[in-house]
Amino acid sequence: MSRFAVRFATVFVLWSCLGFAGLAGDAKPAKQEPEQLAPPRQTSPPITYYIVPAAPPRLDTRAAWSLFGVDQTGRFRPRVVLSPYGSYYLHNGEPYPWTPEPRLVIPRTSD
């Protein structure tokens, strides 16, 4: 073979390889619509409210003594409320079993 034929064959092979590779790379892909993403969601946890009950009022250390009264002998006895619907003990609301005589009732609204 002549040098011309060898060179021609080499150039033809390189040209054909480069030409086919170039054609393969030049092919334009069809236009695709961009992928639609879902709108972002809120990822923070829901707000939780806690209702804290108020503390009960603090009672006085001597408040229990207001349920007692001093009798004629100077002793503390449970206080009795005299009402038109019947007398009762102030500390638990039980009815008072004895109706006092009018002369034993002290005409005061508070001690």
C-alpha atoms as a PDB file:
ATOM      1  CA  MET A   1       0.000   0.000   0.000  1.00  0.00           C
ATOM      2  CA  SER A   2       1.122   3.395  -0.673  1.00  0.00           C
ATOM      3  CA  ARG A   3       1.652   6.011   1.878  1.00  0.00           C
ATOM      4  CA  PHE A   4      -1.202   7.972   0.427  1.00  0.00           C
ATOM      5  CA  ALA A   5      -3.623   5.117   0.928  1.00  0.00           C
ATOM      6  CA  VAL A   6      -2.477   4.575   4.526  1.00  0.00           C
ATOM      7  CA  ARG A   7      -2.842   8.248   5.330  1.00  0.00           C
ATOM      8  CA  PHE A   8      -6.207   8.369   3.624  1.00  0.00           C
ATOM      9  CA  ALA A   9      -7.442   5.347   5.553  1.00  0.00           C
ATOM     10  CA  THR A  10      -6.188   6.811   8.856  1.00  0.00           C
ATOM     11  CA  VAL A  11      -7.809  10.180   8.177  1.00  0.00           C
ATOM     12  CA  PHE A  12     -11.052   8.478   7.128  1.00  0.00           C
ATOM     13  CA  VAL A  13     -11.179   6.340  10.266  1.00  0.00           C
ATOM     14  CA  LEU A  14     -10.446   9.315  12.566  1.00  0.00           C
ATOM     15  CA  TRP A  15     -12.931  11.499  10.724  1.00  0.00           C
ATOM     16  CA  SER A  16     -15.625   8.877  10.893  1.00  0.00           C
ATOM     17  CA  CYS A  17     -15.028   8.269  14.605  1.00  0.00           C
ATOM     18  CA  LEU A  18     -15.010  11.945  15.443  1.00  0.00           C
ATOM     19  CA  GLY A  19     -17.923  12.633  13.134  1.00  0.00           C
ATOM     20  CA  PHE A  20     -20.156   9.965  14.656  1.00  0.00           C
ATOM     21  CA  ALA A  21     -19.162  11.031  18.172  1.00  0.00           C
ATOM     22  CA  GLY A  22     -19.916  14.630  17.336  1.00  0.00           C
ATOM     23  CA  LEU A  23     -23.305  13.710  15.883  1.00  0.00           C
ATOM     24  CA  ALA A  24     -24.145  11.733  18.963  1.00  0.00           C
ATOM     25  CA  GLY A  25     -23.222  14.670  21.221  1.00  0.00           C
ATOM     26  CA  ASP A  26     -25.008  17.267  19.104  1.00  0.00           C
ATOM     27  CA  ALA A  27     -28.397  15.650  19.396  1.00  0.00           C
ATOM     28  CA  LYS A  28     -30.622  18.010  21.395  1.00  0.00           C
ATOM     29  CA  PRO A  29     -32.875  16.311  23.902  1.00  0.00           C
ATOM     30  CA  ALA A  30     -36.576  17.146  23.872  1.00  0.00           C
ATOM     31  CA  LYS A  31     -37.562  19.933  26.239  1.00  0.00           C
ATOM     32  CA  GLN A  32     -38.858  18.589  29.519  1.00  0.00           C
ATOM     33  CA  GLU A  33     -41.007  20.576  31.858  1.00  0.00           C
ATOM     34  CA  PRO A  34     -39.273  21.265  35.163  1.00  0.00           C
ATOM     35  CA  GLU A  35     -40.478  19.066  37.986  1.00  0.00           C
ATOM     36  CA  GLN A  36     -43.147  20.788  40.023  1.00  0.00           C
ATOM     37  CA  LEU A  37     -42.362  20.649  43.724  1.00  0.00           C
ATOM     38  CA  ALA A  38     -45.019  20.657  46.402  1.00  0.00           C
ATOM     39  CA  PRO A  39     -45.290  23.898  48.375  1.00  0.00           C
ATOM     40  CA  PRO A  40     -43.268  23.843  51.598  1.00  0.00           C
ATOM     41  CA  ARG A  41     -45.053  22.657  54.715  1.00  0.00           C
ATOM     42  CA  GLN A  42     -44.698  24.075  58.184  1.00  0.00           C
ATOM     43  CA  THR A  43     -42.459  21.723  60.097  1.00  0.00           C
ATOM     44  CA  SER A  44     -42.638  23.365  63.519  1.00  0.00           C
ATOM     45  CA  PRO A  45     -44.667  21.461  66.128  1.00  0.00           C
ATOM     46  CA  PRO A  46     -48.091  22.832  67.052  1.00  0.00           C
ATOM     47  CA  ILE A  47     -48.204  25.254  69.953  1.00  0.00           C
ATOM     48  CA  THR A  48     -49.509  23.689  73.161  1.00  0.00           C
ATOM     49  CA  TYR A  49     -50.989  25.836  75.875  1.00  0.00           C
ATOM     50  CA  TYR A  50     -51.004  24.702  79.476  1.00  0.00           C
ATOM     51  CA  ILE A  51     -53.488  26.134  81.936  1.00  0.00           C
ATOM     52  CA  VAL A  52     -51.933  26.395  85.358  1.00  0.00           C
ATOM     53  CA  PRO A  53     -54.534  26.623  88.117  1.00  0.00           C
ATOM     54  CA  ALA A  54     -54.133  29.421  90.581  1.00  0.00           C
ATOM     55  CA  ALA A  55     -52.868  28.524  94.029  1.00  0.00           C
ATOM     56  CA  PRO A  56     -55.557  28.547  96.712  1.00  0.00           C
ATOM     57  CA  PRO A  57     -55.355  31.451  99.128  1.00  0.00           C
ATOM     58  CA  ARG A  58     -53.226  30.788 102.154  1.00  0.00           C
ATOM     59  CA  LEU A  59     -55.240  30.442 105.316  1.00  0.00           C
ATOM     60  CA  ASP A  60     -54.280  32.157 108.498  1.00  0.00           C
ATOM     61  CA  THR A  61     -52.826  29.871 111.143  1.00  0.00           C
ATOM     62  CA  ARG A  62     -55.440  31.104 113.607  1.00  0.00           C
ATOM     63  CA  ALA A  63     -58.387  30.871 111.208  1.00  0.00           C
ATOM     64  CA  ALA A  64     -59.609  27.621 112.795  1.00  0.00           C
ATOM     65  CA  TRP A  65     -60.273  29.477 116.052  1.00  0.00           C
ATOM     66  CA  SER A  66     -62.958  31.552 114.345  1.00  0.00           C
ATOM     67  CA  LEU A  67     -65.138  28.415 114.382  1.00  0.00           C
ATOM     68  CA  PHE A  68     -65.084  28.359 118.182  1.00  0.00           C
ATOM     69  CA  GLY A  69     -66.515  30.670 120.787  1.00  0.00           C
ATOM     70  CA  VAL A  70     -65.982  31.094 124.524  1.00  0.00           C
ATOM     71  CA  ASP A  71     -68.818  29.900 126.773  1.00  0.00           C
ATOM     72  CA  GLN A  72     -69.759  31.091 130.319  1.00  0.00           C
ATOM     73  CA  THR A  73     -67.041  29.013 131.934  1.00  0.00           C
ATOM     74  CA  GLY A  74     -64.272  30.400 129.693  1.00  0.00           C
ATOM     75  CA  ARG A  75     -63.849  27.259 127.630  1.00  0.00           C
ATOM     76  CA  PHE A  76     -63.841  27.066 123.867  1.00  0.00           C
ATOM     77  CA  ARG A  77     -66.959  25.447 122.420  1.00  0.00           C
ATOM     78  CA  PRO A  78     -68.011  24.994 118.789  1.00  0.00           C
ATOM     79  CA  ARG A  79     -69.787  28.106 117.587  1.00  0.00           C
ATOM     80  CA  VAL A  80     -73.529  27.757 116.935  1.00  0.00           C
ATOM     81  CA  VAL A  81     -75.351  29.859 114.349  1.00  0.00           C
ATOM     82  CA  LEU A  82     -78.866  30.880 115.348  1.00  0.00           C
ATOM     83  CA  SER A  83     -80.967  31.231 112.210  1.00  0.00           C
ATOM     84  CA  PRO A  84     -84.713  31.421 111.613  1.00  0.00           C
ATOM     85  CA  TYR A  85     -84.550  28.022 109.875  1.00  0.00           C
ATOM     86  CA  GLY A  86     -82.925  26.261 112.814  1.00  0.00           C
ATOM     87  CA  SER A  87     -79.658  26.474 114.683  1.00  0.00           C
ATOM     88  CA  TYR A  88     -76.538  24.661 113.386  1.00  0.00           C
ATOM     89  CA  TYR A  89     -72.862  24.232 114.152  1.00  0.00           C
ATOM     90  CA  LEU A  90     -70.682  26.582 112.129  1.00  0.00           C
ATOM     91  CA  HIS A  91     -67.747  24.196 111.578  1.00  0.00           C
ATOM     92  CA  ASN A  92     -69.685  21.325 109.934  1.00  0.00           C
ATOM     93  CA  GLY A  93     -73.280  22.464 109.401  1.00  0.00           C
ATOM     94  CA  GLU A  94     -74.909  19.790 111.585  1.00  0.00           C
ATOM     95  CA  PRO A  95     -78.134  20.903 113.308  1.00  0.00           C
ATOM     96  CA  TYR A  96     -77.810  22.069 116.882  1.00  0.00           C
ATOM     97  CA  PRO A  97     -79.874  19.652 119.003  1.00  0.00           C
ATOM     98  CA  TRP A  98     -80.945  22.083 121.762  1.00  0.00           C
ATOM     99  CA  THR A  99     -82.816  25.272 121.320  1.00  0.00           C
ATOM    100  CA  PRO A 100     -81.201  27.817 123.608  1.00  0.00           C
ATOM    101  CA  GLU A 101     -83.216  29.858 126.026  1.00  0.00           C
ATOM    102  CA  PRO A 102     -83.585  33.500 124.993  1.00  0.00           C
ATOM    103  CA  ARG A 103     -81.722  34.711 128.097  1.00  0.00           C
ATOM    104  CA  LEU A 104     -78.635  32.611 127.122  1.00  0.00           C
ATOM    105  CA  VAL A 105     -78.312  34.161 123.658  1.00  0.00           C
ATOM    106  CA  ILE A 106     -75.800  36.982 123.441  1.00  0.00           C
ATOM    107  CA  PRO A 107     -77.214  39.660 121.151  1.00  0.00           C
ATOM    108  CA  ARG A 108     -74.084  40.156 119.025  1.00  0.00           C
ATOM    109  CA  THR A 109     -73.424  39.614 115.347  1.00  0.00           C
ATOM    110  CA  SER A 110     -69.746  38.773 115.837  1.00  0.00           C
ATOM    111  CA  ASP A 111     -67.263  38.157 118.637  1.00  0.00           C
END
